[in-house]
Amino acid sequence: YIINDAADSVVFLDPPFVEKVAQNADEFESVEQ
C-alpha cells in the first residue's frame, strides 16, 4: 500500500530485504527500477 500510495518510481534496497521486496513486487503499480 505505501509504495503504491507514494507512487515510487525506483526502489533502493539492502540485500537482506530482497526477499521482502520480491514477494511483493507483482503488486507494485509504479515501480520501474
PDB file of all heavy atoms in Angstrom:
ATOM      1  N   TYR A   1       0.819  -1.210   0.000  1.00  0.00           N
ATOM      2  CA  TYR A   1       0.000   0.000   0.000  1.00  0.00           C
ATOM      3  C   TYR A   1       0.854   1.262   0.000  1.00  0.00           C
ATOM      4  O   TYR A   1       0.599   2.204  -0.765  1.00  0.00           O
ATOM      5  CB  TYR A   1      -0.939  -0.003   1.203  1.00  0.00           C
ATOM      6  CG  TYR A   1      -1.666   1.305   1.409  1.00  0.00           C
ATOM      7  CD1 TYR A   1      -2.797   1.610   0.648  1.00  0.00           C
ATOM      8  CD2 TYR A   1      -1.210   2.252   2.326  1.00  0.00           C
ATOM      9  CE1 TYR A   1      -3.459   2.826   0.811  1.00  0.00           C
ATOM     10  CE2 TYR A   1      -1.857   3.463   2.491  1.00  0.00           C
ATOM     11  CZ  TYR A   1      -2.987   3.745   1.734  1.00  0.00           C
ATOM     12  OH  TYR A   1      -3.630   4.949   1.885  1.00  0.00           O
ATOM     13  N   ILE A   2       1.893   1.319   0.857  1.00  0.00           N
ATOM     14  CA  ILE A   2       2.650   2.573   0.971  1.00  0.00           C
ATOM     15  C   ILE A   2       3.435   2.865  -0.297  1.00  0.00           C
ATOM     16  O   ILE A   2       3.558   4.025  -0.708  1.00  0.00           O
ATOM     17  CB  ILE A   2       3.565   2.581   2.214  1.00  0.00           C
ATOM     18  CG1 ILE A   2       4.670   1.528   2.129  1.00  0.00           C
ATOM     19  CG2 ILE A   2       2.746   2.394   3.489  1.00  0.00           C
ATOM     20  CD1 ILE A   2       5.694   1.619   3.259  1.00  0.00           C
ATOM     21  N   ILE A   3       3.972   1.830  -0.962  1.00  0.00           N
ATOM     22  CA  ILE A   3       4.737   2.073  -2.194  1.00  0.00           C
ATOM     23  C   ILE A   3       3.804   2.513  -3.320  1.00  0.00           C
ATOM     24  O   ILE A   3       4.133   3.413  -4.104  1.00  0.00           O
ATOM     25  CB  ILE A   3       5.553   0.830  -2.568  1.00  0.00           C
ATOM     26  CG1 ILE A   3       6.718   0.678  -1.578  1.00  0.00           C
ATOM     27  CG2 ILE A   3       6.071   0.906  -3.999  1.00  0.00           C
ATOM     28  CD1 ILE A   3       7.606  -0.502  -1.807  1.00  0.00           C
ATOM     29  N   ASN A   4       2.622   1.919  -3.380  1.00  0.00           N
ATOM     30  CA  ASN A   4       1.663   2.327  -4.410  1.00  0.00           C
ATOM     31  C   ASN A   4       1.078   3.708  -4.115  1.00  0.00           C
ATOM     32  O   ASN A   4       0.910   4.534  -5.024  1.00  0.00           O
ATOM     33  CB  ASN A   4       0.540   1.297  -4.518  1.00  0.00           C
ATOM     34  CG  ASN A   4       1.007  -0.005  -5.136  1.00  0.00           C
ATOM     35  OD1 ASN A   4       1.969  -0.024  -5.914  1.00  0.00           O
ATOM     36  ND2 ASN A   4       0.357  -1.103  -4.788  1.00  0.00           N
ATOM     37  N   ASP A   5       0.782   3.969  -2.847  1.00  0.00           N
ATOM     38  CA  ASP A   5       0.197   5.255  -2.485  1.00  0.00           C
ATOM     39  C   ASP A   5       1.191   6.392  -2.730  1.00  0.00           C
ATOM     40  O   ASP A   5       0.812   7.482  -3.162  1.00  0.00           O
ATOM     41  CB  ASP A   5      -0.222   5.231  -1.011  1.00  0.00           C
ATOM     42  CG  ASP A   5      -0.995   6.473  -0.600  1.00  0.00           C
ATOM     43  OD1 ASP A   5      -2.050   6.734  -1.198  1.00  0.00           O
ATOM     44  OD2 ASP A   5      -0.536   7.182   0.313  1.00  0.00           O
ATOM     45  N   ALA A   6       2.476   6.128  -2.485  1.00  0.00           N
ATOM     46  CA  ALA A   6       3.507   7.136  -2.725  1.00  0.00           C
ATOM     47  C   ALA A   6       3.895   7.244  -4.192  1.00  0.00           C
ATOM     48  O   ALA A   6       4.556   8.204  -4.591  1.00  0.00           O
ATOM     49  CB  ALA A   6       4.752   6.814  -1.893  1.00  0.00           C
ATOM     50  N   ALA A   7       3.491   6.268  -4.999  1.00  0.00           N
ATOM     51  CA  ALA A   7       3.824   6.228  -6.433  1.00  0.00           C
ATOM     52  C   ALA A   7       5.330   6.261  -6.658  1.00  0.00           C
ATOM     53  O   ALA A   7       5.855   7.017  -7.486  1.00  0.00           O
ATOM     54  CB  ALA A   7       3.134   7.372  -7.180  1.00  0.00           C
ATOM     55  N   ASP A   8       6.052   5.426  -5.919  1.00  0.00           N
ATOM     56  CA  ASP A   8       7.510   5.375  -6.040  1.00  0.00           C
ATOM     57  C   ASP A   8       7.931   4.842  -7.407  1.00  0.00           C
ATOM     58  O   ASP A   8       7.368   3.866  -7.907  1.00  0.00           O
ATOM     59  CB  ASP A   8       8.092   4.465  -4.951  1.00  0.00           C
ATOM     60  CG  ASP A   8       7.811   4.990  -3.551  1.00  0.00           C
ATOM     61  OD1 ASP A   8       7.875   6.214  -3.364  1.00  0.00           O
ATOM     62  OD2 ASP A   8       7.524   4.173  -2.650  1.00  0.00           O
ATOM     63  N   SER A   9       8.948   5.485  -7.995  1.00  0.00           N
ATOM     64  CA  SER A   9       9.433   5.084  -9.314  1.00  0.00           C
ATOM     65  C   SER A   9      10.549   4.047  -9.246  1.00  0.00           C
ATOM     66  O   SER A   9      10.652   3.173 -10.106  1.00  0.00           O
ATOM     67  CB  SER A   9       9.950   6.315 -10.081  1.00  0.00           C
ATOM     68  OG  SER A   9       8.954   7.288 -10.237  1.00  0.00           O
ATOM     69  N   VAL A  10      11.418   4.181  -8.245  1.00  0.00           N
ATOM     70  CA  VAL A  10      12.576   3.299  -8.089  1.00  0.00           C
ATOM     71  C   VAL A  10      12.626   2.836  -6.642  1.00  0.00           C
ATOM     72  O   VAL A  10      12.346   3.612  -5.729  1.00  0.00           O
ATOM     73  CB  VAL A  10      13.893   4.028  -8.447  1.00  0.00           C
ATOM     74  CG1 VAL A  10      15.078   3.069  -8.334  1.00  0.00           C
ATOM     75  CG2 VAL A  10      13.813   4.631  -9.842  1.00  0.00           C
ATOM     76  N   VAL A  11      12.980   1.571  -6.425  1.00  0.00           N
ATOM     77  CA  VAL A  11      13.154   1.039  -5.077  1.00  0.00           C
ATOM     78  C   VAL A  11      14.624   0.707  -4.868  1.00  0.00           C
ATOM     79  O   VAL A  11      15.198  -0.106  -5.605  1.00  0.00           O
ATOM     80  CB  VAL A  11      12.290  -0.219  -4.842  1.00  0.00           C
ATOM     81  CG1 VAL A  11      12.584  -0.818  -3.462  1.00  0.00           C
ATOM     82  CG2 VAL A  11      10.811   0.113  -4.964  1.00  0.00           C
ATOM     83  N   PHE A  12      15.251   1.351  -3.892  1.00  0.00           N
ATOM     84  CA  PHE A  12      16.611   1.045  -3.462  1.00  0.00           C
ATOM     85  C   PHE A  12      16.508   0.155  -2.227  1.00  0.00           C
ATOM     86  O   PHE A  12      15.809   0.520  -1.269  1.00  0.00           O
ATOM     87  CB  PHE A  12      17.373   2.328  -3.108  1.00  0.00           C
ATOM     88  CG  PHE A  12      17.705   3.197  -4.283  1.00  0.00           C
ATOM     89  CD1 PHE A  12      16.733   3.993  -4.884  1.00  0.00           C
ATOM     90  CD2 PHE A  12      18.999   3.242  -4.786  1.00  0.00           C
ATOM     91  CE1 PHE A  12      17.035   4.806  -5.961  1.00  0.00           C
ATOM     92  CE2 PHE A  12      19.324   4.060  -5.871  1.00  0.00           C
ATOM     93  CZ  PHE A  12      18.331   4.843  -6.460  1.00  0.00           C
ATOM     94  N   LEU A  13      17.204  -0.980  -2.221  1.00  0.00           N
ATOM     95  CA  LEU A  13      17.028  -1.922  -1.125  1.00  0.00           C
ATOM     96  C   LEU A  13      18.341  -2.560  -0.705  1.00  0.00           C
ATOM     97  O   LEU A  13      19.217  -2.819  -1.534  1.00  0.00           O
ATOM     98  CB  LEU A  13      16.027  -3.011  -1.507  1.00  0.00           C
ATOM     99  CG  LEU A  13      16.402  -3.936  -2.668  1.00  0.00           C
ATOM    100  CD1 LEU A  13      15.763  -5.312  -2.478  1.00  0.00           C
ATOM    101  CD2 LEU A  13      15.946  -3.349  -4.006  1.00  0.00           C
ATOM    102  N   ASP A  14      18.455  -2.805   0.609  1.00  0.00           N
ATOM    103  CA  ASP A  14      19.578  -3.566   1.128  1.00  0.00           C
ATOM    104  C   ASP A  14      19.420  -5.039   0.751  1.00  0.00           C
ATOM    105  O   ASP A  14      18.278  -5.539   0.654  1.00  0.00           O
ATOM    106  CB  ASP A  14      19.642  -3.454   2.652  1.00  0.00           C
ATOM    107  CG  ASP A  14      20.347  -2.195   3.131  1.00  0.00           C
ATOM    108  OD1 ASP A  14      21.035  -1.566   2.317  1.00  0.00           O
ATOM    109  OD2 ASP A  14      20.205  -1.850   4.326  1.00  0.00           O
ATOM    110  N   PRO A  15      20.543  -5.776   0.564  1.00  0.00           N
ATOM    111  CA  PRO A  15      20.447  -7.198   0.204  1.00  0.00           C
ATOM    112  C   PRO A  15      19.563  -8.037   1.125  1.00  0.00           C
ATOM    113  O   PRO A  15      18.829  -8.911   0.624  1.00  0.00           O
ATOM    114  CB  PRO A  15      21.909  -7.667   0.247  1.00  0.00           C
ATOM    115  CG  PRO A  15      22.691  -6.443  -0.116  1.00  0.00           C
ATOM    116  CD  PRO A  15      21.949  -5.304   0.528  1.00  0.00           C
ATOM    117  N   PRO A  16      19.541  -7.822   2.452  1.00  0.00           N
ATOM    118  CA  PRO A  16      18.674  -8.658   3.289  1.00  0.00           C
ATOM    119  C   PRO A  16      17.187  -8.502   3.006  1.00  0.00           C
ATOM    120  O   PRO A  16      16.384  -9.340   3.437  1.00  0.00           O
ATOM    121  CB  PRO A  16      19.007  -8.179   4.713  1.00  0.00           C
ATOM    122  CG  PRO A  16      20.370  -7.607   4.624  1.00  0.00           C
ATOM    123  CD  PRO A  16      20.411  -6.957   3.275  1.00  0.00           C
ATOM    124  N   PHE A  17      16.804  -7.449   2.275  1.00  0.00           N
ATOM    125  CA  PHE A  17      15.390  -7.210   2.020  1.00  0.00           C
ATOM    126  C   PHE A  17      14.970  -7.573   0.596  1.00  0.00           C
ATOM    127  O   PHE A  17      13.863  -7.235   0.166  1.00  0.00           O
ATOM    128  CB  PHE A  17      15.044  -5.752   2.317  1.00  0.00           C
ATOM    129  CG  PHE A  17      15.348  -5.343   3.733  1.00  0.00           C
ATOM    130  CD1 PHE A  17      16.125  -4.224   3.998  1.00  0.00           C
ATOM    131  CD2 PHE A  17      14.870  -6.093   4.799  1.00  0.00           C
ATOM    132  CE1 PHE A  17      16.424  -3.865   5.296  1.00  0.00           C
ATOM    133  CE2 PHE A  17      15.160  -5.734   6.107  1.00  0.00           C
ATOM    134  CZ  PHE A  17      15.931  -4.619   6.361  1.00  0.00           C
ATOM    135  N   VAL A  18      15.847  -8.256  -0.135  1.00  0.00           N
ATOM    136  CA  VAL A  18      15.490  -8.680  -1.494  1.00  0.00           C
ATOM    137  C   VAL A  18      14.247  -9.561  -1.469  1.00  0.00           C
ATOM    138  O   VAL A  18      13.323  -9.383  -2.277  1.00  0.00           O
ATOM    139  CB  VAL A  18      16.670  -9.422  -2.163  1.00  0.00           C
ATOM    140  CG1 VAL A  18      16.205 -10.141  -3.429  1.00  0.00           C
ATOM    141  CG2 VAL A  18      17.797  -8.445  -2.505  1.00  0.00           C
ATOM    142  N   GLU A  19      14.207 -10.507  -0.552  1.00  0.00           N
ATOM    143  CA  GLU A  19      13.058 -11.420  -0.497  1.00  0.00           C
ATOM    144  C   GLU A  19      11.769 -10.669  -0.182  1.00  0.00           C
ATOM    145  O   GLU A  19      10.723 -10.919  -0.787  1.00  0.00           O
ATOM    146  CB  GLU A  19      13.311 -12.500   0.550  1.00  0.00           C
ATOM    147  CG  GLU A  19      12.177 -13.517   0.651  1.00  0.00           C
ATOM    148  CD  GLU A  19      12.441 -14.614   1.671  1.00  0.00           C
ATOM    149  OE1 GLU A  19      13.569 -14.670   2.204  1.00  0.00           O
ATOM    150  OE2 GLU A  19      11.525 -15.411   1.939  1.00  0.00           O
ATOM    151  N   LYS A  20      11.836  -9.739   0.786  1.00  0.00           N
ATOM    152  CA  LYS A  20      10.654  -8.963   1.159  1.00  0.00           C
ATOM    153  C   LYS A  20      10.121  -8.184  -0.037  1.00  0.00           C
ATOM    154  O   LYS A  20       8.903  -8.184  -0.309  1.00  0.00           O
ATOM    155  CB  LYS A  20      11.008  -7.992   2.288  1.00  0.00           C
ATOM    156  CG  LYS A  20       9.900  -7.004   2.667  1.00  0.00           C
ATOM    157  CD  LYS A  20       8.775  -7.678   3.412  1.00  0.00           C
ATOM    158  CE  LYS A  20       7.754  -6.656   3.891  1.00  0.00           C
ATOM    159  NZ  LYS A  20       6.676  -7.249   4.701  1.00  0.00           N
ATOM    160  N   VAL A  21      11.005  -7.504  -0.755  1.00  0.00           N
ATOM    161  CA  VAL A  21      10.570  -6.703  -1.902  1.00  0.00           C
ATOM    162  C   VAL A  21      10.074  -7.609  -3.024  1.00  0.00           C
ATOM    163  O   VAL A  21       9.031  -7.346  -3.638  1.00  0.00           O
ATOM    164  CB  VAL A  21      11.724  -5.806  -2.391  1.00  0.00           C
ATOM    165  CG1 VAL A  21      11.349  -5.100  -3.693  1.00  0.00           C
ATOM    166  CG2 VAL A  21      12.091  -4.778  -1.316  1.00  0.00           C
ATOM    167  N   ALA A  22      10.800  -8.715  -3.284  1.00  0.00           N
ATOM    168  CA  ALA A  22      10.446  -9.595  -4.398  1.00  0.00           C
ATOM    169  C   ALA A  22       9.070 -10.221  -4.216  1.00  0.00           C
ATOM    170  O   ALA A  22       8.311 -10.362  -5.188  1.00  0.00           O
ATOM    171  CB  ALA A  22      11.504 -10.677  -4.559  1.00  0.00           C
ATOM    172  N   GLN A  23       8.738 -10.587  -2.974  1.00  0.00           N
ATOM    173  CA  GLN A  23       7.447 -11.251  -2.771  1.00  0.00           C
ATOM    174  C   GLN A  23       6.261 -10.295  -2.876  1.00  0.00           C
ATOM    175  O   GLN A  23       5.108 -10.723  -2.912  1.00  0.00           O
ATOM    176  CB  GLN A  23       7.423 -11.957  -1.415  1.00  0.00           C
ATOM    177  CG  GLN A  23       7.412 -11.054  -0.213  1.00  0.00           C
ATOM    178  CD  GLN A  23       7.620 -11.817   1.096  1.00  0.00           C
ATOM    179  OE1 GLN A  23       8.137 -12.938   1.112  1.00  0.00           O
ATOM    180  NE2 GLN A  23       7.211 -11.225   2.204  1.00  0.00           N
ATOM    181  N   ASN A  24       6.568  -8.992  -2.968  1.00  0.00           N
ATOM    182  CA  ASN A  24       5.511  -8.001  -3.118  1.00  0.00           C
ATOM    183  C   ASN A  24       5.552  -7.277  -4.459  1.00  0.00           C
ATOM    184  O   ASN A  24       4.642  -6.516  -4.782  1.00  0.00           O
ATOM    185  CB  ASN A  24       5.603  -6.968  -1.996  1.00  0.00           C
ATOM    186  CG  ASN A  24       5.239  -7.529  -0.639  1.00  0.00           C
ATOM    187  OD1 ASN A  24       4.069  -7.692  -0.318  1.00  0.00           O
ATOM    188  ND2 ASN A  24       6.251  -7.841   0.172  1.00  0.00           N
ATOM    189  N   ALA A  25       6.610  -7.505  -5.244  1.00  0.00           N
ATOM    190  CA  ALA A  25       6.865  -6.703  -6.437  1.00  0.00           C
ATOM    191  C   ALA A  25       5.730  -6.762  -7.455  1.00  0.00           C
ATOM    192  O   ALA A  25       5.460  -5.765  -8.152  1.00  0.00           O
ATOM    193  CB  ALA A  25       8.176  -7.135  -7.086  1.00  0.00           C
ATOM    194  N   ASP A  26       5.061  -7.899  -7.569  1.00  0.00           N
ATOM    195  CA  ASP A  26       3.980  -8.019  -8.551  1.00  0.00           C
ATOM    196  C   ASP A  26       2.828  -7.064  -8.268  1.00  0.00           C
ATOM    197  O   ASP A  26       2.034  -6.774  -9.172  1.00  0.00           O
ATOM    198  CB  ASP A  26       3.449  -9.451  -8.582  1.00  0.00           C
ATOM    199  CG  ASP A  26       4.417 -10.415  -9.255  1.00  0.00           C
ATOM    200  OD1 ASP A  26       5.358  -9.940  -9.926  1.00  0.00           O
ATOM    201  OD2 ASP A  26       4.241 -11.640  -9.104  1.00  0.00           O
ATOM    202  N   GLU A  27       2.739  -6.588  -7.033  1.00  0.00           N
ATOM    203  CA  GLU A  27       1.637  -5.700  -6.656  1.00  0.00           C
ATOM    204  C   GLU A  27       2.000  -4.226  -6.780  1.00  0.00           C
ATOM    205  O   GLU A  27       1.141  -3.367  -6.616  1.00  0.00           O
ATOM    206  CB  GLU A  27       1.197  -5.991  -5.217  1.00  0.00           C
ATOM    207  CG  GLU A  27       0.787  -7.432  -4.961  1.00  0.00           C
ATOM    208  CD  GLU A  27      -0.367  -7.873  -5.845  1.00  0.00           C
ATOM    209  OE1 GLU A  27      -1.268  -7.039  -6.093  1.00  0.00           O
ATOM    210  OE2 GLU A  27      -0.380  -9.042  -6.277  1.00  0.00           O
ATOM    211  N   PHE A  28       3.276  -3.937  -7.080  1.00  0.00           N
ATOM    212  CA  PHE A  28       3.684  -2.540  -7.201  1.00  0.00           C
ATOM    213  C   PHE A  28       3.197  -1.976  -8.533  1.00  0.00           C
ATOM    214  O   PHE A  28       3.406  -2.575  -9.588  1.00  0.00           O
ATOM    215  CB  PHE A  28       5.209  -2.399  -7.109  1.00  0.00           C
ATOM    216  CG  PHE A  28       5.795  -2.834  -5.787  1.00  0.00           C
ATOM    217  CD1 PHE A  28       7.125  -3.234  -5.703  1.00  0.00           C
ATOM    218  CD2 PHE A  28       5.026  -2.844  -4.627  1.00  0.00           C
ATOM    219  CE1 PHE A  28       7.678  -3.630  -4.495  1.00  0.00           C
ATOM    220  CE2 PHE A  28       5.567  -3.246  -3.415  1.00  0.00           C
ATOM    221  CZ  PHE A  28       6.891  -3.646  -3.343  1.00  0.00           C
ATOM    222  N   GLU A  29       2.600  -0.797  -8.498  1.00  0.00           N
ATOM    223  CA  GLU A  29       1.966  -0.230  -9.690  1.00  0.00           C
ATOM    224  C   GLU A  29       2.839   0.786 -10.427  1.00  0.00           C
ATOM    225  O   GLU A  29       2.624   1.030 -11.616  1.00  0.00           O
ATOM    226  CB  GLU A  29       0.641   0.441  -9.276  1.00  0.00           C
ATOM    227  CG  GLU A  29      -0.353  -0.543  -8.657  1.00  0.00           C
ATOM    228  CD  GLU A  29      -1.532   0.151  -7.978  1.00  0.00           C
ATOM    229  OE1 GLU A  29      -1.531   1.412  -7.953  1.00  0.00           O
ATOM    230  OE2 GLU A  29      -2.419  -0.546  -7.470  1.00  0.00           O
ATOM    231  N   SER A  30       3.805   1.384  -9.742  1.00  0.00           N
ATOM    232  CA  SER A  30       4.556   2.485 -10.348  1.00  0.00           C
ATOM    233  C   SER A  30       6.053   2.222 -10.459  1.00  0.00           C
ATOM    234  O   SER A  30       6.755   2.982 -11.131  1.00  0.00           O
ATOM    235  CB  SER A  30       4.341   3.765  -9.518  1.00  0.00           C
ATOM    236  OG  SER A  30       4.700   3.540  -8.166  1.00  0.00           O
ATOM    237  N   VAL A  31       6.554   1.166  -9.811  1.00  0.00           N
ATOM    238  CA  VAL A  31       7.997   0.931  -9.751  1.00  0.00           C
ATOM    239  C   VAL A  31       8.519   0.478 -11.111  1.00  0.00           C
ATOM    240  O   VAL A  31       7.992  -0.460 -11.721  1.00  0.00           O
ATOM    241  CB  VAL A  31       8.334  -0.123  -8.678  1.00  0.00           C
ATOM    242  CG1 VAL A  31       9.832  -0.427  -8.679  1.00  0.00           C
ATOM    243  CG2 VAL A  31       7.899   0.376  -7.298  1.00  0.00           C
ATOM    244  N   GLU A  32       9.588   1.129 -11.585  1.00  0.00           N
ATOM    245  CA  GLU A  32      10.172   0.816 -12.895  1.00  0.00           C
ATOM    246  C   GLU A  32      11.599   0.293 -12.789  1.00  0.00           C
ATOM    247  O   GLU A  32      12.150  -0.189 -13.785  1.00  0.00           O
ATOM    248  CB  GLU A  32      10.153   2.065 -13.777  1.00  0.00           C
ATOM    249  CG  GLU A  32       8.741   2.598 -14.045  1.00  0.00           C
ATOM    250  CD  GLU A  32       8.752   3.892 -14.850  1.00  0.00           C
ATOM    251  OE1 GLU A  32       9.859   4.446 -15.048  1.00  0.00           O
ATOM    252  OE2 GLU A  32       7.667   4.337 -15.265  1.00  0.00           O
ATOM    253  N   GLN A  33      12.217   0.402 -11.603  1.00  0.00           N
ATOM    254  CA  GLN A  33      13.621   0.017 -11.464  1.00  0.00           C
ATOM    255  C   GLN A  33      13.897  -0.379 -10.018  1.00  0.00           C
ATOM    256  O   GLN A  33      13.345   0.204  -9.081  1.00  0.00           O
ATOM    257  CB  GLN A  33      14.528   1.181 -11.854  1.00  0.00           C
ATOM    258  CG  GLN A  33      16.014   0.918 -11.677  1.00  0.00           C
ATOM    259  CD  GLN A  33      16.578  -0.028 -12.719  1.00  0.00           C
ATOM    260  OE1 GLN A  33      16.406   0.196 -13.924  1.00  0.00           O
ATOM    261  NE2 GLN A  33      17.247  -1.092 -12.277  1.00  0.00           N
TER     262      GLN A  33
END
